[in-house]
N, C-alpha and C. Protein backbone atom coordinates (compact mmCIF):
# COMPACT_ATOMS: atom_id res chain seq x y z
N MET A 1 -5.70 -26.41 -38.60
CA MET A 1 -4.55 -26.38 -39.49
C MET A 1 -4.98 -25.98 -40.93
N LEU A 2 -6.10 -26.50 -41.38
CA LEU A 2 -6.53 -26.07 -42.74
C LEU A 2 -6.89 -24.59 -42.78
N ALA A 3 -7.44 -24.04 -41.68
CA ALA A 3 -7.75 -22.64 -41.71
C ALA A 3 -6.42 -21.80 -41.76
N LEU A 4 -5.37 -22.23 -41.15
CA LEU A 4 -4.10 -21.55 -41.28
C LEU A 4 -3.51 -21.62 -42.63
N ALA A 5 -3.63 -22.78 -43.32
CA ALA A 5 -3.15 -22.93 -44.68
C ALA A 5 -3.95 -21.98 -45.61
N LEU A 6 -5.27 -22.00 -45.39
CA LEU A 6 -6.10 -21.15 -46.30
C LEU A 6 -5.77 -19.64 -46.07
N SER A 7 -5.62 -19.27 -44.81
CA SER A 7 -5.38 -17.84 -44.57
C SER A 7 -3.99 -17.44 -45.08
N GLY A 8 -3.08 -18.29 -45.06
CA GLY A 8 -1.76 -18.07 -45.65
C GLY A 8 -1.74 -17.92 -47.14
N SER A 9 -2.60 -18.71 -47.81
CA SER A 9 -2.67 -18.58 -49.24
C SER A 9 -3.38 -17.38 -49.65
N LEU A 10 -4.35 -16.87 -48.79
CA LEU A 10 -5.10 -15.69 -49.13
C LEU A 10 -4.13 -14.49 -48.96
N ALA A 11 -3.22 -14.55 -47.97
CA ALA A 11 -2.29 -13.47 -47.73
C ALA A 11 -1.36 -13.30 -48.94
N LEU A 12 -1.07 -14.38 -49.67
CA LEU A 12 -0.19 -14.31 -50.79
C LEU A 12 -0.84 -13.69 -51.98
N ALA A 13 -2.17 -13.76 -52.04
CA ALA A 13 -2.89 -13.14 -53.17
C ALA A 13 -2.78 -11.65 -53.03
N VAL A 14 -2.46 -10.94 -54.07
CA VAL A 14 -2.30 -9.48 -54.00
C VAL A 14 -3.43 -8.84 -54.84
N GLU A 15 -4.07 -7.90 -54.21
CA GLU A 15 -5.09 -7.15 -54.89
C GLU A 15 -4.39 -6.20 -55.83
N PRO A 16 -4.76 -6.23 -57.17
CA PRO A 16 -4.09 -5.33 -58.13
C PRO A 16 -4.38 -3.87 -57.83
N VAL A 17 -3.48 -3.06 -58.03
CA VAL A 17 -3.50 -1.62 -57.86
C VAL A 17 -3.93 -0.98 -59.18
N ARG A 18 -4.99 -0.21 -59.15
CA ARG A 18 -5.40 0.53 -60.34
C ARG A 18 -4.50 1.75 -60.42
N LEU A 19 -3.40 1.64 -61.21
CA LEU A 19 -2.42 2.73 -61.30
C LEU A 19 -2.99 3.95 -61.96
N ILE A 20 -3.69 3.74 -63.08
CA ILE A 20 -4.32 4.82 -63.88
C ILE A 20 -5.74 4.39 -64.07
N THR A 21 -6.67 5.34 -63.83
CA THR A 21 -8.10 5.10 -64.14
C THR A 21 -8.38 5.38 -65.64
N ALA A 22 -9.50 4.91 -66.08
CA ALA A 22 -9.98 5.16 -67.45
C ALA A 22 -10.21 6.66 -67.71
N GLU A 23 -10.73 7.34 -66.66
CA GLU A 23 -10.95 8.78 -66.79
C GLU A 23 -9.65 9.56 -66.90
N GLU A 24 -8.63 9.18 -66.11
CA GLU A 24 -7.34 9.87 -66.22
C GLU A 24 -6.74 9.58 -67.58
N ALA A 25 -6.88 8.38 -68.12
CA ALA A 25 -6.27 8.05 -69.40
C ALA A 25 -6.86 8.91 -70.53
N ARG A 26 -8.15 9.33 -70.36
CA ARG A 26 -8.76 10.15 -71.39
C ARG A 26 -8.38 11.59 -71.35
N LEU A 27 -7.65 12.02 -70.31
CA LEU A 27 -7.22 13.40 -70.24
C LEU A 27 -6.24 13.62 -71.37
N PRO A 28 -6.04 14.91 -71.81
CA PRO A 28 -5.06 15.18 -72.91
C PRO A 28 -3.63 14.89 -72.42
N SER A 29 -2.79 14.41 -73.36
CA SER A 29 -1.41 14.19 -73.10
C SER A 29 -0.68 15.44 -72.89
N ALA A 30 0.33 15.39 -72.02
CA ALA A 30 1.17 16.58 -71.71
C ALA A 30 2.13 16.76 -72.93
N ASP A 31 2.55 17.93 -73.18
CA ASP A 31 3.44 18.25 -74.26
C ASP A 31 4.78 17.45 -74.01
N PRO A 32 5.13 16.57 -74.99
CA PRO A 32 6.33 15.75 -74.77
C PRO A 32 7.65 16.59 -74.79
N GLY A 33 7.52 17.83 -75.30
CA GLY A 33 8.74 18.68 -75.32
C GLY A 33 9.09 19.22 -73.89
N THR A 34 8.21 19.12 -73.00
CA THR A 34 8.46 19.73 -71.67
C THR A 34 9.00 18.69 -70.68
N ALA A 35 9.05 17.40 -71.15
CA ALA A 35 9.52 16.34 -70.25
C ALA A 35 10.99 16.29 -70.22
N GLN A 36 11.54 16.10 -69.09
CA GLN A 36 12.99 15.88 -68.97
C GLN A 36 13.23 14.34 -68.89
N GLU A 37 13.81 13.82 -69.94
CA GLU A 37 13.98 12.36 -70.05
C GLU A 37 15.27 11.93 -69.40
N ARG A 38 16.28 12.76 -69.47
CA ARG A 38 17.57 12.33 -68.92
C ARG A 38 17.83 13.01 -67.59
N ASN A 39 18.58 12.32 -66.78
CA ASN A 39 18.99 12.78 -65.48
C ASN A 39 20.19 13.65 -65.66
N LEU A 40 20.12 15.02 -65.48
CA LEU A 40 21.19 15.87 -65.77
C LEU A 40 22.08 16.13 -64.51
N THR A 41 21.72 15.62 -63.38
CA THR A 41 22.54 15.81 -62.15
C THR A 41 23.17 14.42 -61.85
N ARG A 42 23.96 14.43 -60.78
CA ARG A 42 24.60 13.18 -60.32
C ARG A 42 23.69 12.51 -59.28
N GLY A 43 22.42 12.70 -59.34
CA GLY A 43 21.48 12.05 -58.45
C GLY A 43 21.37 10.61 -58.79
N PRO A 44 20.53 9.88 -58.07
CA PRO A 44 20.37 8.47 -58.25
C PRO A 44 19.87 8.15 -59.66
N GLY A 45 20.30 6.98 -60.13
CA GLY A 45 19.82 6.48 -61.41
C GLY A 45 18.46 5.74 -61.09
N ILE A 46 17.66 5.67 -62.13
CA ILE A 46 16.34 4.93 -61.97
C ILE A 46 16.18 4.15 -63.29
N ASP A 47 16.07 2.78 -63.09
CA ASP A 47 15.93 1.89 -64.27
C ASP A 47 14.64 1.16 -64.15
N ALA A 48 13.92 1.14 -65.31
CA ALA A 48 12.68 0.35 -65.33
C ALA A 48 13.08 -1.16 -65.53
N VAL A 49 12.48 -1.95 -64.70
CA VAL A 49 12.76 -3.45 -64.81
C VAL A 49 11.59 -4.19 -65.46
N ALA A 50 10.39 -3.86 -65.05
CA ALA A 50 9.13 -4.53 -65.66
C ALA A 50 8.05 -3.46 -65.64
N PRO A 51 7.15 -3.52 -66.54
CA PRO A 51 6.99 -4.51 -67.57
C PRO A 51 7.80 -4.07 -68.80
N PRO A 52 7.74 -4.92 -69.84
CA PRO A 52 8.40 -4.41 -71.09
C PRO A 52 7.61 -3.24 -71.57
N PRO A 53 8.17 -2.35 -72.34
CA PRO A 53 7.56 -1.15 -72.72
C PRO A 53 6.33 -1.39 -73.65
N ILE A 54 6.30 -2.40 -74.41
CA ILE A 54 5.28 -2.69 -75.38
C ILE A 54 4.67 -4.09 -75.12
N GLY A 55 3.35 -4.13 -75.30
CA GLY A 55 2.71 -5.54 -75.34
C GLY A 55 2.18 -6.02 -74.01
N VAL A 56 2.02 -5.14 -73.03
CA VAL A 56 1.41 -5.66 -71.81
C VAL A 56 -0.09 -5.43 -71.91
N SER A 57 -0.86 -6.26 -71.17
CA SER A 57 -2.29 -6.09 -71.04
C SER A 57 -2.69 -6.74 -69.76
N GLY A 58 -3.91 -6.40 -69.30
CA GLY A 58 -4.44 -6.95 -68.10
C GLY A 58 -3.61 -6.50 -66.89
N THR A 59 -3.40 -7.37 -65.95
CA THR A 59 -2.65 -7.12 -64.74
C THR A 59 -1.17 -7.46 -64.98
N PHE A 60 -0.25 -6.61 -64.64
CA PHE A 60 1.14 -6.85 -64.81
C PHE A 60 1.97 -6.32 -63.62
N ARG A 61 3.19 -6.70 -63.58
CA ARG A 61 4.16 -6.30 -62.56
C ARG A 61 4.85 -4.98 -63.01
N LEU A 62 4.92 -4.05 -62.02
CA LEU A 62 5.60 -2.87 -62.17
C LEU A 62 6.83 -2.81 -61.29
N ALA A 63 8.02 -2.75 -61.81
CA ALA A 63 9.23 -2.81 -61.11
C ALA A 63 10.22 -1.78 -61.54
N VAL A 64 10.83 -1.01 -60.62
CA VAL A 64 11.80 0.03 -60.95
C VAL A 64 12.90 -0.22 -59.88
N ARG A 65 14.19 -0.05 -60.39
CA ARG A 65 15.34 -0.18 -59.48
C ARG A 65 16.00 1.22 -59.37
N PHE A 66 16.35 1.61 -58.16
CA PHE A 66 17.06 2.84 -57.90
C PHE A 66 18.55 2.50 -57.90
N LYS A 67 19.36 3.33 -58.48
CA LYS A 67 20.82 3.09 -58.48
C LYS A 67 21.51 4.22 -57.76
N PRO A 68 21.84 4.06 -56.50
CA PRO A 68 22.51 5.15 -55.71
C PRO A 68 23.82 5.48 -56.41
N ARG A 69 24.20 6.78 -56.30
CA ARG A 69 25.51 7.20 -56.76
C ARG A 69 26.44 7.51 -55.51
N ASN A 70 27.66 7.12 -55.71
CA ASN A 70 28.64 7.32 -54.57
C ASN A 70 28.19 6.71 -53.28
N SER A 71 27.47 5.60 -53.28
CA SER A 71 26.96 4.95 -52.15
C SER A 71 26.11 5.75 -51.20
N VAL A 72 25.38 6.75 -51.79
CA VAL A 72 24.43 7.59 -51.07
C VAL A 72 23.02 6.96 -51.25
N ALA A 73 22.43 6.61 -50.14
CA ALA A 73 21.15 5.93 -50.24
C ALA A 73 20.02 6.84 -50.70
N ILE A 74 19.05 6.26 -51.27
CA ILE A 74 17.82 6.95 -51.72
C ILE A 74 16.89 7.07 -50.50
N ASP A 75 16.23 8.16 -50.43
CA ASP A 75 15.23 8.34 -49.32
C ASP A 75 13.85 8.00 -49.89
N PRO A 76 13.30 6.83 -49.50
CA PRO A 76 12.04 6.38 -50.10
C PRO A 76 10.86 7.36 -49.88
N GLU A 77 10.98 8.24 -48.85
CA GLU A 77 9.96 9.24 -48.59
C GLU A 77 9.86 10.32 -49.71
N THR A 78 10.97 10.41 -50.44
CA THR A 78 10.97 11.42 -51.47
C THR A 78 10.60 10.99 -52.86
N VAL A 79 10.33 9.73 -53.06
CA VAL A 79 9.96 9.17 -54.33
C VAL A 79 8.64 9.77 -54.78
N ARG A 80 8.62 10.20 -56.01
CA ARG A 80 7.37 10.81 -56.58
C ARG A 80 7.11 10.15 -57.90
N VAL A 81 5.91 9.77 -58.19
CA VAL A 81 5.52 9.11 -59.47
C VAL A 81 4.42 9.93 -60.02
N THR A 82 4.50 10.42 -61.23
CA THR A 82 3.55 11.20 -61.93
C THR A 82 3.17 10.67 -63.26
N TYR A 83 1.88 10.89 -63.63
CA TYR A 83 1.41 10.55 -64.93
C TYR A 83 1.29 11.75 -65.74
N ARG A 84 1.94 11.76 -66.93
CA ARG A 84 2.06 12.94 -67.82
C ARG A 84 0.77 13.18 -68.56
N ARG A 85 -0.13 13.85 -67.97
CA ARG A 85 -1.36 14.30 -68.53
C ARG A 85 -1.56 15.73 -68.25
N LEU A 86 -2.60 16.36 -68.88
CA LEU A 86 -2.91 17.75 -68.50
C LEU A 86 -4.27 17.75 -67.77
N PRO A 87 -4.32 17.96 -66.49
CA PRO A 87 -3.19 18.25 -65.65
C PRO A 87 -2.39 16.99 -65.22
N GLU A 88 -1.18 17.24 -64.76
CA GLU A 88 -0.36 16.10 -64.29
C GLU A 88 -1.02 15.42 -63.16
N ILE A 89 -0.90 14.02 -63.03
CA ILE A 89 -1.56 13.31 -62.06
C ILE A 89 -0.52 12.60 -61.18
N ASP A 90 -0.57 12.84 -59.91
CA ASP A 90 0.30 12.28 -58.88
C ASP A 90 -0.13 10.86 -58.57
N LEU A 91 0.67 9.90 -58.90
CA LEU A 91 0.36 8.50 -58.69
C LEU A 91 1.08 7.95 -57.39
N THR A 92 1.88 8.81 -56.74
CA THR A 92 2.72 8.40 -55.66
C THR A 92 1.94 7.61 -54.55
N ALA A 93 0.82 8.09 -54.12
CA ALA A 93 0.08 7.49 -53.01
C ALA A 93 -0.32 6.11 -53.45
N ARG A 94 -0.64 5.82 -54.72
CA ARG A 94 -1.11 4.53 -55.15
C ARG A 94 0.05 3.48 -55.07
N LEU A 95 1.29 3.94 -55.22
CA LEU A 95 2.47 3.01 -55.27
C LEU A 95 3.25 3.06 -53.93
N LYS A 96 2.86 3.93 -53.00
CA LYS A 96 3.63 4.17 -51.72
C LYS A 96 3.92 2.81 -50.99
N PRO A 97 2.89 1.92 -50.93
CA PRO A 97 3.30 0.67 -50.20
C PRO A 97 4.37 -0.22 -50.84
N PHE A 98 4.67 0.06 -52.04
CA PHE A 98 5.63 -0.71 -52.80
C PHE A 98 6.98 -0.08 -52.97
N VAL A 99 7.10 1.15 -52.40
CA VAL A 99 8.43 1.87 -52.54
C VAL A 99 9.37 1.55 -51.38
N THR A 100 10.56 1.23 -51.75
CA THR A 100 11.72 1.10 -50.75
C THR A 100 12.89 1.89 -51.22
N ALA A 101 13.95 1.92 -50.48
CA ALA A 101 15.21 2.57 -50.88
C ALA A 101 15.85 1.89 -52.10
N ALA A 102 15.45 0.61 -52.31
CA ALA A 102 15.98 -0.09 -53.53
C ALA A 102 15.18 0.14 -54.77
N GLY A 103 13.92 0.55 -54.64
CA GLY A 103 13.11 0.74 -55.88
C GLY A 103 11.65 0.64 -55.62
N ILE A 104 10.91 0.33 -56.60
CA ILE A 104 9.41 0.13 -56.60
C ILE A 104 9.17 -1.27 -57.05
N GLU A 105 8.43 -2.08 -56.29
CA GLU A 105 8.08 -3.45 -56.67
C GLU A 105 6.60 -3.67 -56.46
N ALA A 106 5.80 -3.38 -57.43
CA ALA A 106 4.35 -3.58 -57.35
C ALA A 106 4.02 -4.89 -58.15
N PRO A 107 3.61 -5.95 -57.50
CA PRO A 107 3.45 -7.19 -58.17
C PRO A 107 2.25 -7.19 -59.13
N ALA A 108 1.26 -6.36 -58.92
CA ALA A 108 0.08 -6.40 -59.78
C ALA A 108 -0.55 -4.99 -59.91
N VAL A 109 -0.43 -4.43 -61.08
CA VAL A 109 -1.03 -3.16 -61.44
C VAL A 109 -1.93 -3.28 -62.62
N ILE A 110 -2.92 -2.45 -62.72
CA ILE A 110 -3.82 -2.39 -63.81
C ILE A 110 -3.80 -0.99 -64.47
N VAL A 111 -3.67 -0.92 -65.74
CA VAL A 111 -3.59 0.32 -66.48
C VAL A 111 -4.48 0.14 -67.70
N PRO A 112 -5.32 1.17 -68.05
CA PRO A 112 -6.16 1.03 -69.28
C PRO A 112 -5.34 0.97 -70.48
N PRO A 113 -5.90 0.39 -71.58
CA PRO A 113 -5.22 0.31 -72.82
C PRO A 113 -4.80 1.73 -73.28
N GLY A 114 -3.67 1.77 -74.01
CA GLY A 114 -3.18 2.98 -74.52
C GLY A 114 -1.69 3.23 -74.23
N LYS A 115 -1.24 4.38 -74.60
CA LYS A 115 0.18 4.74 -74.37
C LYS A 115 0.27 5.71 -73.15
N HIS A 116 1.02 5.29 -72.14
CA HIS A 116 1.06 6.08 -70.91
C HIS A 116 2.42 6.45 -70.51
N VAL A 117 2.80 7.71 -70.25
CA VAL A 117 4.08 8.17 -69.83
C VAL A 117 4.10 8.45 -68.37
N ILE A 118 4.96 7.76 -67.67
CA ILE A 118 5.09 7.83 -66.23
C ILE A 118 6.52 8.43 -65.90
N VAL A 119 6.52 9.45 -65.01
CA VAL A 119 7.76 10.04 -64.56
C VAL A 119 8.06 9.61 -63.18
N ILE A 120 9.22 9.18 -62.90
CA ILE A 120 9.59 8.69 -61.56
C ILE A 120 10.82 9.52 -61.14
N GLU A 121 10.67 10.10 -59.92
CA GLU A 121 11.73 10.95 -59.36
C GLU A 121 12.05 10.43 -57.96
N ALA A 122 13.41 10.42 -57.65
CA ALA A 122 13.84 9.98 -56.33
C ALA A 122 14.96 10.93 -55.91
N THR A 123 15.02 11.20 -54.64
CA THR A 123 16.11 12.03 -54.11
C THR A 123 16.98 11.20 -53.11
N ASP A 124 18.25 11.36 -53.22
CA ASP A 124 19.13 10.64 -52.27
C ASP A 124 19.28 11.44 -50.94
N LYS A 125 19.94 10.84 -50.00
CA LYS A 125 20.09 11.49 -48.69
C LYS A 125 20.94 12.78 -48.64
N GLU A 126 21.60 13.05 -49.81
CA GLU A 126 22.29 14.32 -49.94
C GLU A 126 21.52 15.36 -50.72
N GLY A 127 20.27 15.02 -50.99
CA GLY A 127 19.41 15.95 -51.73
C GLY A 127 19.50 16.01 -53.19
N ARG A 128 20.28 15.12 -53.80
CA ARG A 128 20.38 15.09 -55.26
C ARG A 128 19.18 14.26 -55.87
N ILE A 129 18.68 14.86 -56.94
CA ILE A 129 17.42 14.30 -57.52
C ILE A 129 17.83 13.49 -58.77
N GLY A 130 17.17 12.33 -58.84
CA GLY A 130 17.22 11.51 -60.05
C GLY A 130 15.88 11.47 -60.66
N ARG A 131 15.74 11.43 -62.00
CA ARG A 131 14.51 11.46 -62.66
C ARG A 131 14.61 10.51 -63.90
N SER A 132 13.54 9.80 -64.09
CA SER A 132 13.45 8.98 -65.29
C SER A 132 11.98 8.87 -65.79
N GLN A 133 11.86 8.54 -66.97
CA GLN A 133 10.56 8.44 -67.69
C GLN A 133 10.47 7.05 -68.24
N MET A 134 9.24 6.43 -68.04
CA MET A 134 8.92 5.12 -68.67
C MET A 134 7.66 5.27 -69.44
N THR A 135 7.57 4.66 -70.58
CA THR A 135 6.34 4.62 -71.36
C THR A 135 5.80 3.26 -71.37
N LEU A 136 4.55 3.14 -70.99
CA LEU A 136 3.84 1.86 -71.06
C LEU A 136 2.91 1.83 -72.22
N THR A 137 2.99 0.92 -73.08
CA THR A 137 2.00 0.73 -74.18
C THR A 137 1.22 -0.52 -73.86
N VAL A 138 -0.03 -0.30 -73.46
CA VAL A 138 -0.92 -1.36 -72.99
C VAL A 138 -1.93 -1.66 -73.99
N ALA A 139 -2.02 -3.04 -74.33
CA ALA A 139 -2.99 -3.47 -75.31
C ALA A 139 -4.27 -3.87 -74.67
N GLU A 140 -5.33 -3.96 -75.42
CA GLU A 140 -6.61 -4.43 -74.92
C GLU A 140 -6.46 -5.81 -74.36
N ALA A 141 -7.10 -6.16 -73.24
CA ALA A 141 -7.03 -7.46 -72.71
C ALA A 141 -7.74 -8.40 -73.56
N LYS A 142 -7.22 -9.61 -73.73
CA LYS A 142 -7.87 -10.61 -74.72
C LYS A 142 -8.78 -11.52 -73.91
C-alpha cells in the first residue's frame, strides 16, 4: 500500500520543461518590425493565461487558451510555437505533450533570465490561422 501511495505521489511531480536554453537566449533578437502581433483573419483567438508578462523567475506555469470562432474547433496538430530569435527557434516539440484543442497547459517550464518573445499559431478545422505573441520577462532566480 505504501509503495502505491509513493508511486502515485511521484506521478504527480512534473519534470520542468526547459522551454528556452541559455544558448538560444544568447542569439540575436528578431526584428520586432517583422512580427505580426494581431490576428488579421477570423481564425481562432489565442489568449495568454499564465505567467504574468513581468516578474517571473525559476520554474513557472505556461498556459494559453484557444478561442474558437464560429464554433470551429482548433486542430491541436497544427499548433506551432516559435521563439523570436535569429534564426527563429521552433519550440513546438518541447510543448507538444501539453497541447490540446483547448490550449496549452504546461505546469512547469524553465526559461533563462531576460526578455523572450514567443509566437503561438493555431489553425482551426476550416484552415483559418490564429496568431498571437507573448513576451516573457524573466528575472534572475533568487
